[in-house]
PDB file of N, CA and C in Angstrom:
ATOM      1  N   MET A   1      -5.247  -9.857   2.152  1.00  0.00           N
ATOM      2  CA  MET A   1      -4.907  -8.943   3.674  1.00  0.00           C
ATOM      3  C   MET A   1      -4.287  -7.852   2.420  1.00  0.00           C
ATOM      4  N   GLY A   2      -3.409  -8.045   1.430  1.00  0.00           N
ATOM      5  CA  GLY A   2      -3.766  -6.352   1.013  1.00  0.00           C
ATOM      6  C   GLY A   2      -4.475  -5.926   0.872  1.00  0.00           C
ATOM      7  N   LEU A   3      -6.077  -6.359  -0.053  1.00  0.00           N
ATOM      8  CA  LEU A   3      -6.625  -5.632  -0.134  1.00  0.00           C
ATOM      9  C   LEU A   3      -7.510  -4.738   1.418  1.00  0.00           C
ATOM     10  N   VAL A   4      -7.384  -5.622   2.486  1.00  0.00           N
ATOM     11  CA  VAL A   4      -7.388  -5.108   3.669  1.00  0.00           C
ATOM     12  C   VAL A   4      -7.069  -4.029   3.774  1.00  0.00           C
ATOM     13  N   LEU A   5      -5.173  -4.434   4.171  1.00  0.00           N
ATOM     14  CA  LEU A   5      -4.190  -2.675   4.194  1.00  0.00           C
ATOM     15  C   LEU A   5      -4.231  -1.836   3.059  1.00  0.00           C
ATOM     16  N   GLY A   6      -4.573  -1.645   2.195  1.00  0.00           N
ATOM     17  CA  GLY A   6      -4.421  -1.271   1.553  1.00  0.00           C
ATOM     18  C   GLY A   6      -6.536   0.235   1.673  1.00  0.00           C
ATOM     19  N   GLY A   7      -7.252  -0.709   1.796  1.00  0.00           N
ATOM     20  CA  GLY A   7      -8.310   0.141   2.884  1.00  0.00           C
ATOM     21  C   GLY A   7      -8.636   0.556   3.334  1.00  0.00           C
ATOM     22  N   LEU A   8      -7.639   0.224   4.224  1.00  0.00           N
ATOM     23  CA  LEU A   8      -7.079   1.170   5.695  1.00  0.00           C
ATOM     24  C   LEU A   8      -6.587   1.734   5.668  1.00  0.00           C
ATOM     25  N   LEU A   9      -4.839   2.198   4.596  1.00  0.00           N
ATOM     26  CA  LEU A   9      -4.546   3.730   4.130  1.00  0.00           C
ATOM     27  C   LEU A   9      -6.009   4.460   3.161  1.00  0.00           C
ATOM     28  N   VAL A  10      -6.428   3.727   2.468  1.00  0.00           N
ATOM     29  CA  VAL A  10      -7.661   5.153   1.892  1.00  0.00           C
ATOM     30  C   VAL A  10      -8.205   5.444   3.035  1.00  0.00           C
ATOM     31  N   ALA A  11      -9.583   4.913   3.469  1.00  0.00           N
ATOM     32  CA  ALA A  11      -9.787   5.319   5.004  1.00  0.00           C
ATOM     33  C   ALA A  11      -9.816   6.685   5.424  1.00  0.00           C
ATOM     34  N   ALA A  12      -8.074   5.933   6.234  1.00  0.00           N
ATOM     35  CA  ALA A  12      -7.559   6.646   6.830  1.00  0.00           C
ATOM     36  C   ALA A  12      -7.133   7.882   6.517  1.00  0.00           C
ATOM     37  N   GLY A  13      -6.352   8.182   4.574  1.00  0.00           N
ATOM     38  CA  GLY A  13      -6.034   8.704   3.922  1.00  0.00           C
ATOM     39  C   GLY A  13      -7.574   9.987   4.320  1.00  0.00           C
ATOM     40  N   ILE A  14      -8.528   9.289   3.702  1.00  0.00           N
ATOM     41  CA  ILE A  14      -9.934  10.348   3.617  1.00  0.00           C
ATOM     42  C   ILE A  14      -9.959  11.015   5.437  1.00  0.00           C
ATOM     43  N   ALA A  15     -10.327  10.212   5.948  1.00  0.00           N
ATOM     44  CA  ALA A  15     -10.313  10.372   7.161  1.00  0.00           C
ATOM     45  C   ALA A  15      -8.836  11.928   7.549  1.00  0.00           C
ATOM     46  N   GLU A  16      -7.909  11.791   7.620  1.00  0.00           N
ATOM     47  CA  GLU A  16      -6.781  12.682   7.149  1.00  0.00           C
ATOM     48  C   GLU A  16      -6.881  13.985   6.695  1.00  0.00           C
ATOM     49  N   THR A  17      -7.120  13.893   5.578  1.00  0.00           N
ATOM     50  CA  THR A  17      -7.659  14.577   4.574  1.00  0.00           C
ATOM     51  C   THR A  17      -8.680  15.393   4.604  1.00  0.00           C
ATOM     52  N   VAL A  18     -10.099  15.448   5.854  1.00  0.00           N
ATOM     53  CA  VAL A  18     -11.434  15.665   6.077  1.00  0.00           C
ATOM     54  C   VAL A  18     -10.876  16.616   7.398  1.00  0.00           C
ATOM     55  N   ARG A  19     -10.118  15.816   8.590  1.00  0.00           N
ATOM     56  CA  ARG A  19      -9.433  16.228   9.561  1.00  0.00           C
ATOM     57  C   ARG A  19      -8.501  17.369   9.226  1.00  0.00           C
ATOM     58  N   LEU A  20      -8.209  17.811   8.216  1.00  0.00           N
ATOM     59  CA  LEU A  20      -7.273  18.792   7.912  1.00  0.00           C
ATOM     60  C   LEU A  20      -7.836  20.013   7.087  1.00  0.00           C
ATOM     61  N   PHE A  21      -8.879  19.628   5.990  1.00  0.00           N
ATOM     62  CA  PHE A  21      -9.241  20.568   5.630  1.00  0.00           C
ATOM     63  C   PHE A  21     -10.884  21.538   7.532  1.00  0.00           C
ATOM     64  N   ARG A  22     -10.882  20.701   7.871  1.00  0.00           N
ATOM     65  CA  ARG A  22     -11.840  20.882   9.527  1.00  0.00           C
ATOM     66  C   ARG A  22     -10.833  21.793   9.785  1.00  0.00           C
ATOM     67  N   SER A  23      -9.975  21.952  10.301  1.00  0.00           N
ATOM     68  CA  SER A  23      -8.921  22.453  11.215  1.00  0.00           C
ATOM     69  C   SER A  23      -8.180  23.434  10.458  1.00  0.00           C
ATOM     70  N   GLY A  24      -8.056  23.494   9.135  1.00  0.00           N
ATOM     71  CA  GLY A  24      -7.271  23.994   8.622  1.00  0.00           C
ATOM     72  C   GLY A  24      -5.731  24.191   8.467  1.00  0.00           C
ATOM     73  N   ASP A  25      -4.911  23.156   9.463  1.00  0.00           N
ATOM     74  CA  ASP A  25      -3.846  22.722   9.533  1.00  0.00           C
ATOM     75  C   ASP A  25      -3.097  22.538   7.943  1.00  0.00           C
ATOM     76  N   GLY A  26      -2.429  22.205   7.729  1.00  0.00           N
ATOM     77  CA  GLY A  26      -1.243  22.161   6.328  1.00  0.00           C
ATOM     78  C   GLY A  26      -1.295  20.770   6.136  1.00  0.00           C
ATOM     79  N   GLY A  27      -0.339  20.089   5.434  1.00  0.00           N
ATOM     80  CA  GLY A  27       0.203  19.134   5.403  1.00  0.00           C
ATOM     81  C   GLY A  27      -0.874  17.849   4.128  1.00  0.00           C
ATOM     82  N   PHE A  28      -1.185  18.762   3.174  1.00  0.00           N
ATOM     83  CA  PHE A  28      -2.784  17.890   2.848  1.00  0.00           C
ATOM     84  C   PHE A  28      -1.631  17.429   1.448  1.00  0.00           C
ATOM     85  N   TRP A  29      -1.002  17.431   0.949  1.00  0.00           N
ATOM     86  CA  TRP A  29       0.595  17.277   0.649  1.00  0.00           C
ATOM     87  C   TRP A  29       1.280  15.798   0.263  1.00  0.00           C
ATOM     88  N   PHE A  30       1.681  15.867   1.210  1.00  0.00           N
ATOM     89  CA  PHE A  30       1.679  14.942   1.720  1.00  0.00           C
ATOM     90  C   PHE A  30       0.703  13.943   2.723  1.00  0.00           C
ATOM     91  N   TRP A  31       0.626  13.926   3.228  1.00  0.00           N
ATOM     92  CA  TRP A  31      -1.051  13.611   3.720  1.00  0.00           C
ATOM     93  C   TRP A  31      -1.792  11.987   2.593  1.00  0.00           C
ATOM     94  N   PHE A  32      -2.285  12.981   2.079  1.00  0.00           N
ATOM     95  CA  PHE A  32      -3.201  12.305   0.750  1.00  0.00           C
ATOM     96  C   PHE A  32      -2.342  11.931  -0.279  1.00  0.00           C
ATOM     97  N   PRO A  33      -0.973  11.903  -0.732  1.00  0.00           N
ATOM     98  CA  PRO A  33      -0.616  10.764  -2.025  1.00  0.00           C
ATOM     99  C   PRO A  33       0.139   9.922  -1.262  1.00  0.00           C
ATOM    100  N   THR A  34       0.362  10.240   0.202  1.00  0.00           N
ATOM    101  CA  THR A  34       0.681   8.900   1.133  1.00  0.00           C
ATOM    102  C   THR A  34      -0.323   7.894   1.302  1.00  0.00           C
ATOM    103  N   LEU A  35      -1.281   7.514   1.526  1.00  0.00           N
ATOM    104  CA  LEU A  35      -2.583   7.364   2.624  1.00  0.00           C
ATOM    105  C   LEU A  35      -3.082   6.841   1.216  1.00  0.00           C
ATOM    106  N   VAL A  36      -3.705   8.184   0.503  1.00  0.00           N
ATOM    107  CA  VAL A  36      -4.565   7.525  -0.170  1.00  0.00           C
ATOM    108  C   VAL A  36      -4.499   7.174  -1.873  1.00  0.00           C
ATOM    109  N   GLY A  37      -3.291   7.189  -2.344  1.00  0.00           N
ATOM    110  CA  GLY A  37      -2.326   7.235  -2.993  1.00  0.00           C
ATOM    111  C   GLY A  37      -1.249   5.907  -3.006  1.00  0.00           C
ATOM    112  N   GLY A  38      -0.951   5.378  -1.784  1.00  0.00           N
ATOM    113  CA  GLY A  38      -0.027   4.218  -1.867  1.00  0.00           C
ATOM    114  C   GLY A  38      -1.040   2.930  -1.622  1.00  0.00           C
ATOM    115  N   GLY A  39      -2.681   3.585  -0.609  1.00  0.00           N
ATOM    116  CA  GLY A  39      -4.087   2.521  -0.199  1.00  0.00           C
ATOM    117  C   GLY A  39      -4.069   2.088  -1.850  1.00  0.00           C
ATOM    118  N   ALA A  40      -4.265   3.229  -2.803  1.00  0.00           N
ATOM    119  CA  ALA A  40      -4.833   2.856  -3.722  1.00  0.00           C
ATOM    120  C   ALA A  40      -3.992   1.961  -5.213  1.00  0.00           C
ATOM    121  N   LEU A  41      -2.840   2.544  -4.729  1.00  0.00           N
ATOM    122  CA  LEU A  41      -1.712   0.996  -5.143  1.00  0.00           C
ATOM    123  C   LEU A  41      -1.106   0.192  -5.113  1.00  0.00           C
ATOM    124  N   VAL A  42      -1.846  -0.417  -3.592  1.00  0.00           N
ATOM    125  CA  VAL A  42      -1.614  -1.871  -2.573  1.00  0.00           C
ATOM    126  C   VAL A  42      -2.765  -2.401  -3.240  1.00  0.00           C
ATOM    127  N   VAL A  43      -3.697  -1.843  -3.201  1.00  0.00           N
ATOM    128  CA  VAL A  43      -5.699  -2.245  -3.845  1.00  0.00           C
ATOM    129  C   VAL A  43      -4.964  -2.951  -5.460  1.00  0.00           C
ATOM    130  N   ALA A  44      -4.841  -2.444  -6.101  1.00  0.00           N
ATOM    131  CA  ALA A  44      -4.606  -2.622  -7.315  1.00  0.00           C
ATOM    132  C   ALA A  44      -3.309  -3.709  -7.737  1.00  0.00           C
ATOM    133  N   GLY A  45      -2.383  -2.894  -6.884  1.00  0.00           N
ATOM    134  CA  GLY A  45      -1.156  -3.901  -7.162  1.00  0.00           C
ATOM    135  C   GLY A  45      -1.859  -5.541  -6.838  1.00  0.00           C
ATOM    136  N   THR A  46      -2.864  -5.965  -5.424  1.00  0.00           N
ATOM    137  CA  THR A  46      -2.698  -6.363  -5.267  1.00  0.00           C
ATOM    138  C   THR A  46      -3.631  -7.133  -6.712  1.00  0.00           C
ATOM    139  N   LEU A  47      -5.112  -6.969  -6.747  1.00  0.00           N
ATOM    140  CA  LEU A  47      -5.724  -8.001  -7.371  1.00  0.00           C
ATOM    141  C   LEU A  47      -4.628  -7.799  -8.655  1.00  0.00           C
ATOM    142  N   LEU A  48      -3.583  -7.313  -9.374  1.00  0.00           N
ATOM    143  CA  LEU A  48      -2.869  -7.527 -10.415  1.00  0.00           C
ATOM    144  C   LEU A  48      -1.783  -8.660 -10.359  1.00  0.00           C
ATOM    145  N   LEU A  49      -1.758  -8.593  -8.527  1.00  0.00           N
ATOM    146  CA  LEU A  49      -0.911 -10.004  -8.966  1.00  0.00           C
ATOM    147  C   LEU A  49      -1.020 -11.261  -9.662  1.00  0.00           C
ATOM    148  N   PRO A  50      -2.462 -11.294  -9.312  1.00  0.00           N
ATOM    149  CA  PRO A  50      -2.521 -12.856 -10.607  1.00  0.00           C
ATOM    150  C   PRO A  50      -2.081 -13.035 -11.760  1.00  0.00           C
ATOM    151  N   ARG A  51      -2.892 -12.132 -12.305  1.00  0.00           N
ATOM    152  CA  ARG A  51      -2.282 -11.953 -14.082  1.00  0.00           C
ATOM    153  C   ARG A  51      -1.453 -10.984 -14.752  1.00  0.00           C
ATOM    154  N   SER A  52      -1.031 -10.317 -13.786  1.00  0.00           N
ATOM    155  CA  SER A  52       0.011  -9.384 -14.227  1.00  0.00           C
ATOM    156  C   SER A  52       1.692  -9.897 -12.901  1.00  0.00           C
ATOM    157  N   PRO A  53       1.879 -10.781 -12.775  1.00  0.00           N
ATOM    158  CA  PRO A  53       3.316 -11.035 -11.211  1.00  0.00           C
ATOM    159  C   PRO A  53       3.812  -9.428 -11.133  1.00  0.00           C
ATOM    160  N   ARG A  54       4.796  -8.919 -12.098  1.00  0.00           N
ATOM    161  CA  ARG A  54       5.697  -8.516 -11.600  1.00  0.00           C
ATOM    162  C   ARG A  54       4.712  -6.788 -11.922  1.00  0.00           C
ATOM    163  N   LEU A  55       3.961  -6.630 -12.442  1.00  0.00           N
ATOM    164  CA  LEU A  55       3.267  -5.463 -12.225  1.00  0.00           C
ATOM    165  C   LEU A  55       2.522  -4.775 -11.027  1.00  0.00           C
ATOM    166  N   GLY A  56       1.894  -5.798 -10.669  1.00  0.00           N
ATOM    167  CA  GLY A  56       1.760  -6.144  -9.252  1.00  0.00           C
ATOM    168  C   GLY A  56       2.100  -6.434  -8.226  1.00  0.00           C
ATOM    169  N   ARG A  57       3.707  -6.558  -8.400  1.00  0.00           N
ATOM    170  CA  ARG A  57       4.508  -6.196  -7.337  1.00  0.00           C
ATOM    171  C   ARG A  57       4.947  -5.053  -6.701  1.00  0.00           C
ATOM    172  N   VAL A  58       5.274  -4.449  -8.063  1.00  0.00           N
ATOM    173  CA  VAL A  58       5.418  -2.813  -8.340  1.00  0.00           C
ATOM    174  C   VAL A  58       4.704  -1.607  -7.754  1.00  0.00           C
ATOM    175  N   MET A  59       3.169  -2.789  -8.067  1.00  0.00           N
ATOM    176  CA  MET A  59       2.639  -1.183  -7.631  1.00  0.00           C
ATOM    177  C   MET A  59       1.766  -1.426  -6.012  1.00  0.00           C
ATOM    178  N   THR A  60       2.121  -3.114  -5.456  1.00  0.00           N
ATOM    179  CA  THR A  60       1.654  -3.309  -3.692  1.00  0.00           C
ATOM    180  C   THR A  60       3.487  -2.635  -3.375  1.00  0.00           C
ATOM    181  N   THR A  61       4.248  -2.980  -3.947  1.00  0.00           N
ATOM    182  CA  THR A  61       5.627  -3.046  -2.673  1.00  0.00           C
ATOM    183  C   THR A  61       5.434  -0.801  -3.521  1.00  0.00           C
ATOM    184  N   VAL A  62       6.195   0.026  -3.700  1.00  0.00           N
ATOM    185  CA  VAL A  62       5.521   1.315  -4.239  1.00  0.00           C
ATOM    186  C   VAL A  62       4.192   1.539  -3.157  1.00  0.00           C
ATOM    187  N   GLY A  63       3.224   1.092  -3.282  1.00  0.00           N
ATOM    188  CA  GLY A  63       2.300   1.739  -3.125  1.00  0.00           C
ATOM    189  C   GLY A  63       2.696   1.393  -0.928  1.00  0.00           C
ATOM    190  N   ALA A  64       3.497   0.348  -0.948  1.00  0.00           N
ATOM    191  CA  ALA A  64       3.412  -0.012   0.471  1.00  0.00           C
ATOM    192  C   ALA A  64       4.164   0.855   1.070  1.00  0.00           C
ATOM    193  N   LEU A  65       5.551   1.275   0.676  1.00  0.00           N
ATOM    194  CA  LEU A  65       6.393   1.733   1.139  1.00  0.00           C
ATOM    195  C   LEU A  65       5.770   3.449   0.774  1.00  0.00           C
ATOM    196  N   ALA A  66       4.998   3.402   0.086  1.00  0.00           N
ATOM    197  CA  ALA A  66       4.184   4.871   0.069  1.00  0.00           C
ATOM    198  C   ALA A  66       3.903   5.719   1.573  1.00  0.00           C
ATOM    199  N   GLY A  67       3.177   4.138   1.859  1.00  0.00           N
ATOM    200  CA  GLY A  67       2.091   4.629   3.802  1.00  0.00           C
ATOM    201  C   GLY A  67       2.727   3.894   4.562  1.00  0.00           C
ATOM    202  N   ILE A  68       4.018   3.533   3.966  1.00  0.00           N
ATOM    203  CA  ILE A  68       4.796   3.127   6.054  1.00  0.00           C
ATOM    204  C   ILE A  68       5.216   4.109   6.921  1.00  0.00           C
ATOM    205  N   LEU A  69       5.267   5.554   6.115  1.00  0.00           N
ATOM    206  CA  LEU A  69       6.274   6.712   6.619  1.00  0.00           C
ATOM    207  C   LEU A  69       5.283   7.373   6.930  1.00  0.00           C
ATOM    208  N   PRO A  70       3.175   7.899   6.307  1.00  0.00           N
ATOM    209  CA  PRO A  70       2.651   8.765   7.581  1.00  0.00           C
ATOM    210  C   PRO A  70       1.535   7.068   9.055  1.00  0.00           C
ATOM    211  N   THR A  71       1.180   5.944   8.845  1.00  0.00           N
ATOM    212  CA  THR A  71       1.302   4.967   9.543  1.00  0.00           C
ATOM    213  C   THR A  71       2.789   4.794  10.430  1.00  0.00           C
ATOM    214  N   MET A  72       4.113   4.990  10.567  1.00  0.00           N
ATOM    215  CA  MET A  72       4.713   5.004  11.500  1.00  0.00           C
ATOM    216  C   MET A  72       4.729   4.824  12.869  1.00  0.00           C
ATOM    217  N   TRP A  73       3.402   5.330  12.662  1.00  0.00           N
ATOM    218  CA  TRP A  73       3.511   6.355  14.897  1.00  0.00           C
ATOM    219  C   TRP A  73       2.833   4.360  14.918  1.00  0.00           C
ATOM    220  N   THR A  74       1.923   3.697  14.164  1.00  0.00           N
ATOM    221  CA  THR A  74       0.964   3.154  14.648  1.00  0.00           C
ATOM    222  C   THR A  74       1.796   1.907  14.706  1.00  0.00           C
ATOM    223  N   LEU A  75       3.188   2.049  14.801  1.00  0.00           N
ATOM    224  CA  LEU A  75       4.347   0.745  14.503  1.00  0.00           C
ATOM    225  C   LEU A  75       3.535  -0.632  14.109  1.00  0.00           C
ATOM    226  N   VAL A  76       2.376  -1.383  13.811  1.00  0.00           N
ATOM    227  CA  VAL A  76       1.624  -1.893  13.827  1.00  0.00           C
ATOM    228  C   VAL A  76       1.839  -2.353  11.764  1.00  0.00           C
ATOM    229  N   VAL A  77       1.162  -1.395  11.208  1.00  0.00           N
ATOM    230  CA  VAL A  77       0.743  -1.633  10.193  1.00  0.00           C
ATOM    231  C   VAL A  77       1.415  -1.064   9.098  1.00  0.00           C
ATOM    232  N   PRO A  78       3.124  -0.178   9.082  1.00  0.00           N
ATOM    233  CA  PRO A  78       4.072  -0.288   8.915  1.00  0.00           C
ATOM    234  C   PRO A  78       5.003  -2.302   8.630  1.00  0.00           C
ATOM    235  N   VAL A  79       4.805  -2.788  10.135  1.00  0.00           N
ATOM    236  CA  VAL A  79       6.004  -4.164  10.312  1.00  0.00           C
ATOM    237  C   VAL A  79       4.239  -5.163   9.042  1.00  0.00           C
ATOM    238  N   LEU A  80       3.455  -4.810   8.830  1.00  0.00           N
ATOM    239  CA  LEU A  80       2.162  -5.770   8.145  1.00  0.00           C
ATOM    240  C   LEU A  80       2.779  -5.369   6.712  1.00  0.00           C
ATOM    241  N   LEU A  81       2.280  -4.566   7.033  1.00  0.00           N
ATOM    242  CA  LEU A  81       3.520  -3.182   5.233  1.00  0.00           C
ATOM    243  C   LEU A  81       4.219  -4.146   4.381  1.00  0.00           C
ATOM    244  N   VAL A  82       5.190  -4.249   5.871  1.00  0.00           N
ATOM    245  CA  VAL A  82       6.943  -5.189   5.177  1.00  0.00           C
ATOM    246  C   VAL A  82       6.222  -6.238   4.517  1.00  0.00           C
ATOM    247  N   VAL A  83       5.457  -7.059   6.008  1.00  0.00           N
ATOM    248  CA  VAL A  83       4.565  -8.781   5.563  1.00  0.00           C
ATOM    249  C   VAL A  83       4.060  -9.200   4.155  1.00  0.00           C
ATOM    250  N   LEU A  84       3.432  -7.602   3.611  1.00  0.00           N
ATOM    251  CA  LEU A  84       3.134  -7.044   2.719  1.00  0.00           C
ATOM    252  C   LEU A  84       3.211  -7.546   1.247  1.00  0.00           C
ATOM    253  N   ILE A  85       4.836  -6.551   1.682  1.00  0.00           N
ATOM    254  CA  ILE A  85       5.680  -7.146   0.405  1.00  0.00           C
ATOM    255  C   ILE A  85       6.163  -7.747   0.237  1.00  0.00           C
ATOM    256  N   VAL A  86       6.715  -8.379   1.183  1.00  0.00           N
ATOM    257  CA  VAL A  86       7.211  -9.850   1.107  1.00  0.00           C
ATOM    258  C   VAL A  86       6.335 -11.237   0.427  1.00  0.00           C
ATOM    259  N   SER A  87       5.829 -11.007   0.815  1.00  0.00           N
ATOM    260  CA  SER A  87       4.800 -11.892   0.187  1.00  0.00           C
ATOM    261  C   SER A  87       4.091 -11.742  -0.877  1.00  0.00           C
ATOM    262  N   ALA A  88       4.237 -10.145  -1.382  1.00  0.00           N
ATOM    263  CA  ALA A  88       4.363 -10.054  -2.928  1.00  0.00           C
ATOM    264  C   ALA A  88       5.182 -10.425  -3.884  1.00  0.00           C
ATOM    265  N   ASN A  89       6.267 -10.325  -3.233  1.00  0.00           N
ATOM    266  CA  ASN A  89       7.970 -10.458  -3.807  1.00  0.00           C
ATOM    267  C   ASN A  89       7.290 -11.871  -3.895  1.00  0.00           C
ATOM    268  N   ARG A  90       7.259 -12.478  -3.482  1.00  0.00           N
ATOM    269  CA  ARG A  90       7.768 -14.392  -2.670  1.00  0.00           C
ATOM    270  C   ARG A  90       6.699 -14.991  -3.976  1.00  0.00           C
ATOM    271  N   THR A  91       5.617 -14.074  -3.628  1.00  0.00           N
ATOM    272  CA  THR A  91       4.212 -15.050  -5.117  1.00  0.00           C
ATOM    273  C   THR A  91       4.818 -14.905  -6.498  1.00  0.00           C
ATOM    274  N   VAL A  92       6.125 -13.550  -6.695  1.00  0.00           N
ATOM    275  CA  VAL A  92       6.438 -13.338  -7.961  1.00  0.00           C
ATOM    276  C   VAL A  92       7.639 -14.554  -8.452  1.00  0.00           C
ATOM    277  N   VAL A  93       8.093 -14.816  -6.635  1.00  0.00           N
ATOM    278  CA  VAL A  93       9.093 -15.595  -7.638  1.00  0.00           C
ATOM    279  C   VAL A  93       8.650 -17.094  -7.499  1.00  0.00           C
ATOM    280  N   VAL A  94       7.772 -17.520  -6.755  1.00  0.00           N
ATOM    281  CA  VAL A  94       7.630 -18.330  -7.100  1.00  0.00           C
ATOM    282  C   VAL A  94       6.613 -18.615  -8.756  1.00  0.00           C
ATOM    283  N   ALA A  95       6.017 -17.546  -9.084  1.00  0.00           N
ATOM    284  CA  ALA A  95       5.113 -17.567 -10.562  1.00  0.00           C
ATOM    285  C   ALA A  95       5.978 -18.133 -11.400  1.00  0.00           C
ATOM    286  N   GLU A  96       6.960 -16.724 -11.692  1.00  0.00           N
ATOM    287  CA  GLU A  96       8.596 -17.488 -11.949  1.00  0.00           C
ATOM    288  C   GLU A  96       8.734 -18.729 -11.961  1.00  0.00           C
ATOM    289  N   GLU A  97       9.396 -19.764 -11.052  1.00  0.00           N
ATOM    290  CA  GLU A  97       9.664 -20.391 -11.117  1.00  0.00           C
ATOM    291  C   GLU A  97       8.814 -21.640 -11.560  1.00  0.00           C
ATOM    292  N   GLU A  98       7.738 -21.335 -11.487  1.00  0.00           N
ATOM    293  CA  GLU A  98       6.512 -22.362 -12.153  1.00  0.00           C
ATOM    294  C   GLU A  98       6.897 -21.916 -13.443  1.00  0.00           C
ATOM    295  N   THR A  99       6.795 -20.718 -14.442  1.00  0.00           N
ATOM    296  CA  THR A  99       6.620 -20.686 -16.157  1.00  0.00           C
ATOM    297  C   THR A  99       7.728 -21.185 -16.487  1.00  0.00           C
ATOM    298  N   THR A 100       9.116 -21.357 -15.922  1.00  0.00           N
ATOM    299  CA  THR A 100      10.503 -21.483 -16.346  1.00  0.00           C
ATOM    300  C   THR A 100      10.566 -23.218 -16.220  1.00  0.00           C
ATOM    301  N   PRO A 101      10.623 -23.000 -17.714  1.00  0.00           N
ATOM    302  CA  PRO A 101      10.875 -24.506 -17.910  1.00  0.00           C
ATOM    303  C   PRO A 101      12.858 -25.420 -17.229  1.00  0.00           C
TER     304      PRO A 101
END
């Protein structure tokens, strides 16, 4: 789910950046970092979760939080991002419980 949502955020960020440059609208410094940066963090954090749970959790959470604001109008994507945050945090808690004697 993290890879799909991260990819969706990156694709939306690229599409929004192209639209900004073609139309001349402002807001590049809001749309690009929140969508592309947030999506890249979600993808990287999701891939890091199995190897480095704490760093993966932080990256996934920060990226998802960054992606929530610009996608708020969709209603579905922010809910899925919150589910991703909860899921990543539960994965880390379970991994820590398994390693603790």
